[in-house]
Structures are given as structure tokens and as C-alpha cells.
Protein backbone atom coordinates (compact mmCIF):
# COMPACT_ATOMS: atom_id res chain seq x y z
CA UNK A 1 -7.51 20.02 17.29
CA UNK A 2 -9.77 19.79 14.24
CA UNK A 3 -12.01 16.73 14.08
CA UNK A 4 -13.87 15.59 11.01
CA UNK A 5 -17.19 16.38 12.66
CA UNK A 6 -16.16 19.99 13.38
CA UNK A 7 -16.04 21.01 9.70
CA UNK A 8 -19.13 21.01 7.47
CA UNK A 9 -18.94 18.70 4.44
CA UNK A 10 -18.29 20.33 1.06
CA UNK A 11 -21.20 19.73 -1.29
CA UNK A 12 -20.38 17.33 -4.11
CA UNK A 13 -16.78 16.72 -3.04
CA UNK A 14 -15.43 13.42 -1.68
CA UNK A 15 -15.73 12.80 2.05
CA UNK A 16 -13.14 10.01 2.12
CA UNK A 17 -9.78 10.00 0.30
CA UNK A 18 -7.55 6.92 -0.03
CA UNK A 19 -3.92 7.42 -1.11
CA UNK A 20 -1.22 5.00 -2.16
CA UNK A 21 2.29 5.81 -0.93
CA UNK A 22 5.25 4.74 -3.08
CA UNK A 23 5.12 6.46 -6.44
CA UNK A 24 2.04 8.43 -5.37
CA UNK A 25 2.41 10.53 -2.22
CA UNK A 26 6.15 9.79 -2.10
CA UNK A 27 8.25 10.86 -5.07
CA UNK A 28 10.62 8.48 -6.94
CA UNK A 29 13.30 9.02 -4.26
CA UNK A 30 10.95 8.17 -1.39
CA UNK A 31 10.57 11.82 -0.38
CA UNK A 32 7.42 13.34 1.06
CA UNK A 33 7.50 16.77 -0.52
CA UNK A 34 6.14 19.87 1.29
CA UNK A 35 3.55 20.51 -1.43
CA UNK A 36 2.11 17.01 -1.00
CA UNK A 37 2.24 17.14 2.78
CA UNK A 38 0.54 20.53 2.87
CA UNK A 39 -2.02 19.43 0.29
CA UNK A 40 -3.05 16.45 2.41
CA UNK A 41 -3.14 18.75 5.45
CA UNK A 42 -5.52 21.11 3.65
CA UNK A 43 -7.83 18.23 2.75
CA UNK A 44 -7.88 17.02 6.37
CA UNK A 45 -8.56 20.57 7.62
CA UNK A 46 -11.54 20.70 5.25
CA UNK A 47 -13.12 17.79 7.08
CA UNK A 48 -12.20 14.96 4.71
CA UNK A 49 -11.08 11.64 6.17
CA UNK A 50 -7.75 10.63 4.60
CA UNK A 51 -6.67 6.99 4.66
CA UNK A 52 -3.34 5.65 3.42
CA UNK A 53 -3.70 2.53 1.28
CA UNK A 54 -0.38 0.80 0.76
CA UNK A 55 1.30 -2.50 0.11
CA UNK A 56 3.67 -1.77 2.98
CA UNK A 57 3.21 -3.37 6.37
CA UNK A 58 1.64 -1.39 9.20
CA UNK A 59 5.01 -0.73 10.85
CA UNK A 60 6.47 0.34 7.51
CA UNK A 61 3.80 3.03 7.22
CA UNK A 62 4.59 4.69 10.55
CA UNK A 63 7.07 7.25 9.22
CA UNK A 64 4.76 8.48 6.48
CA UNK A 65 1.75 8.65 8.81
CA UNK A 66 3.81 10.76 11.22
CA UNK A 67 5.04 12.98 8.40
CA UNK A 68 1.49 13.61 7.24
CA UNK A 69 -0.02 13.92 10.70
CA UNK A 70 -2.40 11.02 10.02
CA UNK A 71 -2.69 9.00 13.21
CA UNK A 72 -5.87 7.02 12.59
CA UNK A 73 -6.19 3.56 11.05
CA UNK A 74 -4.91 2.94 7.52
CA UNK A 75 -5.12 0.20 4.90
CA UNK A 76 -1.83 -1.70 4.81
CA UNK A 77 -0.45 -4.94 3.33
CA UNK A 78 -2.49 -4.41 0.14
CA UNK A 79 -5.78 -4.55 2.02
CA UNK A 80 -4.78 -7.33 4.39
CA UNK A 81 -4.89 -5.13 7.49
CA UNK A 82 -6.61 -1.97 8.70
CA UNK A 83 -5.12 -0.35 11.77
CA UNK A 84 -3.08 2.56 13.09
CA UNK A 85 0.66 2.46 12.39
CA UNK A 86 1.11 5.04 15.15
CA UNK A 87 -0.91 3.65 18.07
CA UNK A 88 -0.73 -0.02 17.10
CA UNK A 89 -4.52 -0.36 17.20
CA UNK A 90 -5.73 -3.11 14.85
CA UNK A 91 -9.27 -2.80 13.52
CA UNK A 92 -9.21 -5.96 11.40
CA UNK A 93 -6.88 -8.33 9.58
CA UNK A 94 -7.47 -10.87 6.81
CA UNK A 95 -5.33 -13.93 7.56
CA UNK A 96 -4.48 -16.95 5.46
CA UNK A 97 -5.83 -20.33 6.54
CA UNK A 98 -3.28 -23.09 7.29
CA UNK A 99 -4.24 -25.15 4.22
CA UNK A 100 -3.70 -22.20 1.86
CA UNK A 101 -0.39 -21.39 3.59
CA UNK A 102 0.87 -24.92 3.01
CA UNK A 103 -0.36 -24.84 -0.58
CA UNK A 104 1.40 -21.53 -1.10
CA UNK A 105 4.67 -22.97 0.15
CA UNK A 106 4.27 -25.92 -2.20
CA UNK A 107 3.65 -23.55 -5.11
CA UNK A 108 6.77 -21.56 -4.25
CA UNK A 109 8.79 -24.76 -4.12
CA UNK A 110 7.39 -25.89 -7.48
CA UNK A 111 8.59 -22.70 -9.21
CA UNK A 112 11.93 -22.65 -7.36
CA UNK A 113 11.30 -19.54 -5.26
CA UNK A 114 12.16 -18.78 -1.62
CA UNK A 115 8.93 -17.43 -0.06
CA UNK A 116 8.52 -14.94 2.75
CA UNK A 117 5.68 -15.06 5.28
CA UNK A 118 4.36 -11.69 6.39
CA UNK A 119 2.70 -11.45 9.80
CA UNK A 120 1.28 -8.46 11.65
CA UNK A 121 4.56 -7.61 13.35
CA UNK A 122 7.32 -9.35 11.42
CA UNK A 123 8.55 -11.19 8.36
CA UNK A 124 9.51 -14.86 8.57
CA UNK A 125 11.69 -16.76 6.12
CA UNK A 126 13.18 -20.24 6.02
CA UNK A 127 16.84 -20.97 6.56
CA UNK A 128 18.60 -21.95 3.32
CA UNK A 129 20.60 -25.10 2.74
CA UNK A 130 23.80 -23.22 3.46
CA UNK A 131 22.30 -21.77 6.65
CA UNK A 132 21.75 -18.33 5.13
CA UNK A 133 18.23 -17.20 4.22
CA UNK A 134 17.37 -15.78 0.81
CA UNK A 135 15.14 -12.74 1.35
CA UNK A 136 14.11 -9.64 -0.63
CA UNK A 137 15.93 -6.46 0.30
CA UNK A 138 12.80 -4.86 1.73
CA UNK A 139 12.49 -7.56 4.40
CA UNK A 140 16.11 -7.73 5.55
CA UNK A 141 16.07 -5.98 8.93
CA UNK A 142 15.30 -6.31 12.63
CA UNK A 143 11.73 -7.42 11.88
CA UNK A 144 12.96 -10.54 10.08
CA UNK A 145 12.85 -13.92 11.82
CA UNK A 146 14.60 -16.96 10.34
CA UNK A 147 13.14 -20.41 11.03
CA UNK A 148 14.00 -23.95 10.02
CA UNK A 149 10.55 -24.67 8.55
CA UNK A 150 7.88 -22.29 7.28
CA UNK A 151 5.36 -25.13 7.33
CA UNK A 152 5.56 -25.05 11.12
CA UNK A 153 4.32 -21.44 10.98
CA UNK A 154 1.18 -22.24 8.95
CA UNK A 155 -1.13 -22.16 11.98
CA UNK A 156 0.00 -18.72 13.15
CA UNK A 157 -2.15 -16.69 10.74
CA UNK A 158 0.12 -14.89 8.28
CA UNK A 159 -1.42 -12.05 6.32
CA UNK A 160 0.37 -12.93 3.09
CA UNK A 161 3.04 -15.05 1.48
CA UNK A 162 5.42 -13.07 -0.71
CA UNK A 163 6.94 -15.12 -3.53
CA UNK A 164 9.84 -13.52 -5.45
CA UNK A 165 9.89 -14.21 -9.20
CA UNK A 166 12.08 -13.03 -12.10
CA UNK A 167 10.69 -9.84 -13.61
CA UNK A 168 10.96 -11.20 -17.15
CA UNK A 169 8.66 -14.10 -16.22
CA UNK A 170 6.34 -12.25 -13.88
CA UNK A 171 3.22 -12.51 -16.03
CA UNK A 172 3.66 -16.24 -16.48
CA UNK A 173 4.07 -16.90 -12.76
CA UNK A 174 1.09 -14.70 -11.89
CA UNK A 175 -1.06 -16.69 -14.31
CA UNK A 176 0.23 -19.95 -12.83
CA UNK A 177 -0.55 -18.78 -9.30
CA UNK A 178 -4.07 -17.69 -10.28
CA UNK A 179 -4.72 -21.09 -11.83
CA UNK A 180 -3.11 -22.92 -8.89
CA UNK A 181 -5.21 -21.22 -6.20
CA UNK A 182 -8.42 -20.37 -8.07
CA UNK A 183 -10.88 -18.76 -5.67
CA UNK A 184 -9.05 -20.04 -2.58
CA UNK A 185 -6.71 -17.02 -2.51
CA UNK A 186 -6.10 -13.60 -4.03
CA UNK A 187 -2.94 -13.04 -6.07
CA UNK A 188 -1.75 -9.46 -5.61
CA UNK A 189 1.36 -7.67 -6.87
CA UNK A 190 2.66 -4.13 -6.79
CA UNK A 191 5.62 -4.56 -9.14
CA UNK A 192 7.28 -7.14 -11.38
CA UNK A 193 9.58 -8.58 -8.73
CA UNK A 194 7.14 -10.90 -6.99
CA UNK A 195 3.57 -11.83 -6.17
CA UNK A 196 1.59 -12.15 -2.96
CA UNK A 197 -0.77 -14.91 -1.91
CA UNK A 198 -3.51 -13.42 0.26
CA UNK A 199 -6.90 -14.38 1.68
CA UNK A 200 -9.73 -14.57 -0.90
CA UNK A 201 -11.13 -11.19 -1.88
CA UNK A 202 -8.21 -9.27 -0.39
CA UNK A 203 -7.16 -6.12 -2.21
CA UNK A 204 -7.12 -2.37 -1.59
CA UNK A 205 -10.50 -1.92 -3.26
CA UNK A 206 -12.37 -4.33 -1.01
CA UNK A 207 -10.63 -2.82 2.02
CA UNK A 208 -11.70 0.65 0.93
CA UNK A 209 -15.30 -0.52 0.58
CA UNK A 210 -15.21 -1.78 4.17
CA UNK A 211 -13.75 1.49 5.42
CA UNK A 212 -16.34 3.56 3.55
CA UNK A 213 -19.19 1.39 4.84
CA UNK A 214 -17.94 1.76 8.41
CA UNK A 215 -18.23 5.54 7.96
CA UNK A 216 -21.70 5.32 6.44
CA UNK A 217 -20.45 6.53 3.05
CA UNK A 218 -21.40 5.45 -0.46
CA UNK A 219 -18.58 4.82 -2.90
CA UNK A 220 -19.52 7.89 -4.94
CA UNK A 221 -18.44 9.90 -1.87
CA UNK A 222 -14.98 8.32 -2.00
CA UNK A 223 -11.86 9.33 -3.97
CA UNK A 224 -8.62 7.40 -4.48
CA UNK A 225 -5.13 8.09 -5.84
CA UNK A 226 -2.62 5.43 -6.93
CA UNK A 227 -0.06 4.43 -9.52
CA UNK A 228 0.42 0.65 -9.60
CA UNK A 229 -1.32 -2.62 -10.44
CA UNK A 230 -2.14 -3.21 -6.77
CA UNK A 231 -4.21 0.01 -6.89
CA UNK A 232 -6.44 -1.25 -9.70
CA UNK A 233 -9.43 -2.37 -7.62
CA UNK A 234 -9.23 0.71 -5.40
CA UNK A 235 -9.26 3.09 -8.36
CA UNK A 236 -12.09 1.18 -9.97
CA UNK A 237 -14.42 1.17 -6.95
CA UNK A 238 -13.97 4.81 -5.89
CA UNK A 239 -16.42 7.38 -7.19
CA UNK A 240 -13.50 9.53 -8.35
CA UNK A 241 -9.95 8.31 -8.84
CA UNK A 242 -6.63 9.44 -10.26
CA UNK A 243 -3.71 7.39 -11.55
CA UNK A 244 -0.23 8.90 -11.77
CA UNK A 245 1.96 8.53 -14.83
CA UNK A 246 5.07 6.42 -14.12
CA UNK A 247 7.50 9.22 -15.00
CA UNK A 248 7.51 12.81 -16.29
CA UNK A 249 6.18 13.07 -19.84
CA UNK A 250 5.36 9.36 -20.04
CA UNK A 251 2.38 7.94 -21.87
CA UNK A 252 0.04 5.46 -20.16
CA UNK A 253 1.79 2.10 -19.78
CA UNK A 254 0.21 -1.29 -20.44
CA UNK A 255 -0.33 -3.25 -17.22
CA UNK A 256 -0.83 -0.15 -15.07
CA UNK A 257 -4.36 0.83 -13.96
CA UNK A 258 -5.05 3.68 -16.39
CA UNK A 259 -8.37 2.23 -17.51
CA UNK A 260 -9.73 2.05 -13.97
CA UNK A 261 -9.17 5.71 -13.01
CA UNK A 262 -11.41 8.65 -13.84
CA UNK A 263 -8.39 10.97 -14.06
CA UNK A 264 -4.79 10.67 -15.30
CA UNK A 265 -2.36 13.07 -13.61
CA UNK A 266 1.41 13.73 -13.82
CA UNK A 267 3.99 11.50 -12.15
CA UNK A 268 5.04 11.74 -8.52
CA UNK A 269 8.18 13.52 -9.73
CA UNK A 270 5.84 16.31 -10.85
CA UNK A 271 3.62 16.27 -7.72
CA UNK A 272 0.84 14.46 -9.56
CA UNK A 273 -1.01 13.72 -6.32
CA UNK A 274 -1.38 17.46 -5.72
CA UNK A 275 -2.95 17.84 -9.15
CA UNK A 276 -5.40 15.06 -8.24
CA UNK A 277 -6.32 16.90 -5.04
CA UNK A 278 -7.01 20.07 -7.00
CA UNK A 279 -9.37 18.21 -9.31
CA UNK A 280 -11.16 16.37 -6.49
CA UNK A 281 -11.50 19.38 -4.18
CA UNK A 282 -11.96 22.58 -6.22
CA UNK A 283 -13.26 24.46 -3.17
CA UNK A 284 -9.91 24.05 -1.34
CA UNK A 285 -7.01 26.40 -1.98
CA UNK A 286 -3.73 24.53 -2.41
CA UNK A 287 -0.34 26.23 -2.25
CA UNK A 288 2.61 25.31 -4.45
CA UNK A 289 4.99 24.44 -1.62
CA UNK A 290 5.45 24.42 2.15
CA UNK A 291 7.69 26.20 4.59
CA UNK A 292 9.55 23.17 5.96
CA UNK A 293 12.13 20.91 4.44
CA UNK A 294 11.32 17.72 2.62
CA UNK A 295 10.94 14.55 4.64
CA UNK A 296 12.80 11.54 3.34
CA UNK A 297 11.19 8.28 4.33
CA UNK A 298 14.07 6.05 5.30
CA UNK A 299 14.27 2.73 3.48
CA UNK A 300 16.26 0.61 1.10
CA UNK A 301 13.77 0.29 -1.77
CA UNK A 302 10.25 1.10 -2.90
CA UNK A 303 8.90 -1.94 -1.06
CA UNK A 304 10.92 -1.46 2.11
CA UNK A 305 8.66 -1.73 5.12
CA UNK A 306 11.19 -1.86 7.93
CA UNK A 307 13.04 1.44 8.19
CA UNK A 308 14.63 0.33 11.43
CA UNK A 309 14.53 1.73 14.96
CA UNK A 310 15.23 5.44 15.25
CA UNK A 311 15.27 5.96 11.47
CA UNK A 312 11.60 6.60 10.77
CA UNK A 313 12.00 10.11 9.38
CA UNK A 314 15.10 12.08 8.47
CA UNK A 315 15.44 15.57 7.06
CA UNK A 316 16.66 15.81 3.49
């Protein structure tokens, strides 16, 4: 087995690489393509530490980590946790305090939304007036627990509160949430369907700084790849970074983190992450494709983080 210490560092090239998943390493259909898988494998074989940095929960990252052969700790829940999705080891977690949890539930009630609490090992939602919960598609699965009162769960240390909002009013609700919480919480979002209330200072960028520091690395020795607004801080703080276009042939889109990245590469439909690897690591030879079939990461949507038992990875 190759360890990072066994391979000499490559002069001037990043020693730590952080990668988003949906829309970055996974293509628009949620497929881990052989070219991407083999590209990440080549980077690891060269002695570079590769860390996944995703908005998914730890358990929702298991299939991808297996598919890539990355069994160490990863950044999950948009920087709220750092641990191994394979072994279950937790290095650290940034939890919400009870007062912020209660305030978050009040905010959700004020805007007429049904919030979802996200803990280390499950989602929790409140039973609706008709007895049926209202939950986003990504949370509807065996990891979902339905309770009579979310307020009663405030002392149990959730990592985040997910608040669904209409896409057409997303910007307005984000602004309201930022004003409501001020510096008492971070407001994070990966798409236009909702927002997340998280502990102050929580985002992928701050998590990546902690990971780099734990390895004794400066940020100019770190590279990052992403595609969404929740990647903004990560792309900004890394010494080198690449943002993927949203679709083939697209121009940079307002609201996405194009200004934070040092490189703009093609979309995930065109294996943009592989192009980023080529630019970051010119001393590594990358092939165009691999010898095995694609791996489809099972799930119901981009944000799905509960593929279900026995459905982690299926051949496509």
C-alpha cells in the first residue's frame, strides 16, 4: 500500500487537494466516471493527500469514498464535520448551540418553512399537522426520524438546520437569515432550494484551513476544485483553485464562485475536474479513461445523502 510519506513531494505542486462532489467529481447524472476516478488515483499515488469537501452528510459520502479508494477523513456537511465516511471515525464536528437552534426554528416558522435538523447520524423533522412530515427528497429515507417537537431536540447538538425556501425567493430569504442571525451563525447554501443555519464560521474554506494546518501545510500548498456557492470560501482560500462551468459551453454564471477561483475549467459533463488536475499537477500523466465501468452513486437528487442500505454503489 502506498502511503503519503512513501512518495517524495513534487516541487511546486499542491500537497493537499480538496474536491467537491456533486457537479464536480460526479457528473450531472451522479456518475463517477473512470477518467475522474483514475485521475484522483494518480494524484494519490503521487503522494498528494486528497480530501472530499461536500455538503453531503458523512454517511452520504461513503459510496463516493469507496469508489475513489479514499478511506481517510473528509470534510462533510459543508464544513460542519471532518471524519471518515468509511470507518466512522470523527475527528471534529461543529455543532449548533441550543439557543441558536431554537432561534433557527423560530426563523423557519416566521417564513413558513418546515425545517430539518441534521445530526451526525440522522435527519430529524417535525410531524406535520396532518401527521405526515414535510421533508426534502434528499432526506426521505431510513436515516430520517420524525418527532413531535424539534425544540425538544435543541440540546442534542445538531450540525445544521436545513430550511427549504422557494427558489424564486432564495436571495431574499438568505438576506433575511443573515440579518436575523448576524454573527451568531453561518448561513450556507449549495443551491437555490434552501439554506442552512450552521455554527459561526462554518464553511468548507475554514474546514480546509484546519485540515491543512493539521498537516503542517500553508494554504499556498493547497488546491481545491468546486462548482457551487458553498465552495466559494474553499476556492478563495486555496493557493490554487478551479471552478467548473455549470454545463457544456456555458459562460460564467452570476452567483457562482467564478471570481474566487484561479482557474475556470469545463463542466462535469466534460470531465472538468480532470482538466483541473492536469493544470495543478503537470508532472503527473493522466489518461483519458479507465478500464472499468462507470460507477453510479445511488441517490434521488444532487443533495441526496442517504442512498440506503445495500445501495451504496451500483454499476452503470
